[in-house]
Protein backbone atom coordinates (compact mmCIF):
# COMPACT_ATOMS: atom_id res chain seq x y z
CA UNK A 1 100.61 221.16 0.15
CA UNK A 2 100.15 217.38 0.23
CA UNK A 3 101.47 216.86 -3.29
CA UNK A 4 104.98 217.67 -2.04
CA UNK A 5 105.00 215.26 0.88
CA UNK A 6 107.40 212.39 0.32
CA UNK A 7 105.85 209.10 1.37
CA UNK A 8 108.52 206.49 2.02
CA UNK A 9 106.37 203.53 1.04
CA UNK A 10 104.80 204.61 -2.23
CA UNK A 11 105.21 202.21 -5.13
CA UNK A 12 107.81 204.54 -6.64
CA UNK A 13 109.80 204.80 -3.39
CA UNK A 14 109.79 201.05 -2.87
CA UNK A 15 110.91 200.44 -6.46
CA UNK A 16 113.64 203.07 -6.10
CA UNK A 17 114.99 201.22 -3.05
CA UNK A 18 114.94 197.94 -4.98
CA UNK A 19 116.89 199.53 -7.83
CA UNK A 20 119.39 201.14 -5.46
CA UNK A 21 119.99 197.85 -3.60
CA UNK A 22 121.78 196.12 -6.50
CA UNK A 23 124.84 197.96 -7.75
CA UNK A 24 125.37 195.56 -10.66
CA UNK A 25 121.86 195.68 -12.14
CA UNK A 26 122.45 198.50 -14.63
CA UNK A 27 124.54 197.98 -17.74
CA UNK A 28 125.77 200.91 -19.86
CA UNK A 29 123.05 200.22 -22.44
CA UNK A 30 120.38 200.22 -19.76
CA UNK A 31 121.85 203.43 -18.31
CA UNK A 32 121.64 205.17 -21.69
CA UNK A 33 118.05 203.98 -22.08
CA UNK A 34 117.11 205.28 -18.63
CA UNK A 35 118.60 208.66 -19.49
CA UNK A 36 116.42 208.83 -22.59
CA UNK A 37 113.21 208.29 -20.61
CA UNK A 38 110.87 211.20 -20.03
CA UNK A 39 107.18 211.87 -19.63
CA UNK A 40 105.24 212.12 -22.88
CA UNK A 41 104.27 215.69 -23.80
CA UNK A 42 100.61 215.11 -22.87
CA UNK A 43 101.65 214.03 -19.36
CA UNK A 44 104.01 217.01 -19.03
CA UNK A 45 101.13 219.28 -19.97
CA UNK A 46 98.88 217.58 -17.41
CA UNK A 47 101.51 218.04 -14.67
CA UNK A 48 101.76 221.72 -15.59
CA UNK A 49 97.98 222.06 -15.45
CA UNK A 50 97.74 220.31 -12.08
CA UNK A 51 100.65 222.34 -10.70
CA UNK A 52 98.97 225.59 -11.73
CA UNK A 53 95.77 224.48 -10.01
CA UNK A 54 97.77 223.52 -6.90
CA UNK A 55 99.38 226.96 -6.79
CA UNK A 56 95.92 228.50 -7.07
CA UNK A 57 94.63 226.23 -4.31
CA UNK A 58 91.93 224.70 -6.49
CA UNK A 59 92.91 221.03 -6.77
CA UNK A 60 90.23 218.44 -6.10
CA UNK A 61 91.12 215.39 -3.98
CA UNK A 62 91.39 213.26 -7.13
CA UNK A 63 93.65 215.81 -8.79
CA UNK A 64 95.83 215.95 -5.67
CA UNK A 65 96.26 212.18 -5.84
CA UNK A 66 97.00 212.39 -9.57
CA UNK A 67 99.66 215.06 -9.03
CA UNK A 68 101.15 213.02 -6.18
CA UNK A 69 101.45 210.06 -8.56
CA UNK A 70 103.27 212.17 -11.13
CA UNK A 71 105.60 213.53 -8.45
CA UNK A 72 106.37 210.04 -7.12
CA UNK A 73 107.18 208.76 -10.60
CA UNK A 74 109.27 211.86 -11.26
CA UNK A 75 111.32 211.17 -8.14
CA UNK A 76 111.76 207.54 -9.12
CA UNK A 77 112.90 208.51 -12.60
CA UNK A 78 115.30 211.05 -11.10
CA UNK A 79 116.85 208.38 -8.86
CA UNK A 80 117.19 205.97 -11.76
CA UNK A 81 118.70 208.62 -14.04
CA UNK A 82 121.10 209.78 -11.35
CA UNK A 83 122.33 206.24 -10.94
CA UNK A 84 122.65 205.87 -14.71
CA UNK A 85 124.70 209.09 -15.01
CA UNK A 86 126.95 207.96 -12.16
CA UNK A 87 127.52 204.56 -13.78
CA UNK A 88 128.38 206.11 -17.16
CA UNK A 89 130.67 208.70 -15.57
CA UNK A 90 132.52 205.99 -13.62
CA UNK A 91 132.83 203.92 -16.79
CA UNK A 92 134.31 206.90 -18.67
CA UNK A 93 136.74 207.51 -15.82
CA UNK A 94 137.81 203.86 -15.79
CA UNK A 95 138.32 203.85 -19.58
CA UNK A 96 140.36 207.06 -19.51
CA UNK A 97 142.72 205.54 -16.92
CA UNK A 98 143.55 202.58 -19.16
């Protein structure tokens, strides 16, 4: 299914690489904000609808592109949140050693 193909040069993938390239860019406050980010309920419902259609094999080309966009953004958010969790965990570890 094309909606699960990872394209290395999507906007989300490029932005993820930019974010990963600078280890000092995220402060604890930014990390906490990133961890609070999620798709609005209406978008979550749309992803569920598109996913159900994909499983049934009835996605149109436009819907396939729409689902791909959601998946790319989901991967980007996952990368950003993973980095945020790692930063906060390292900060906690550093504080507990003092």
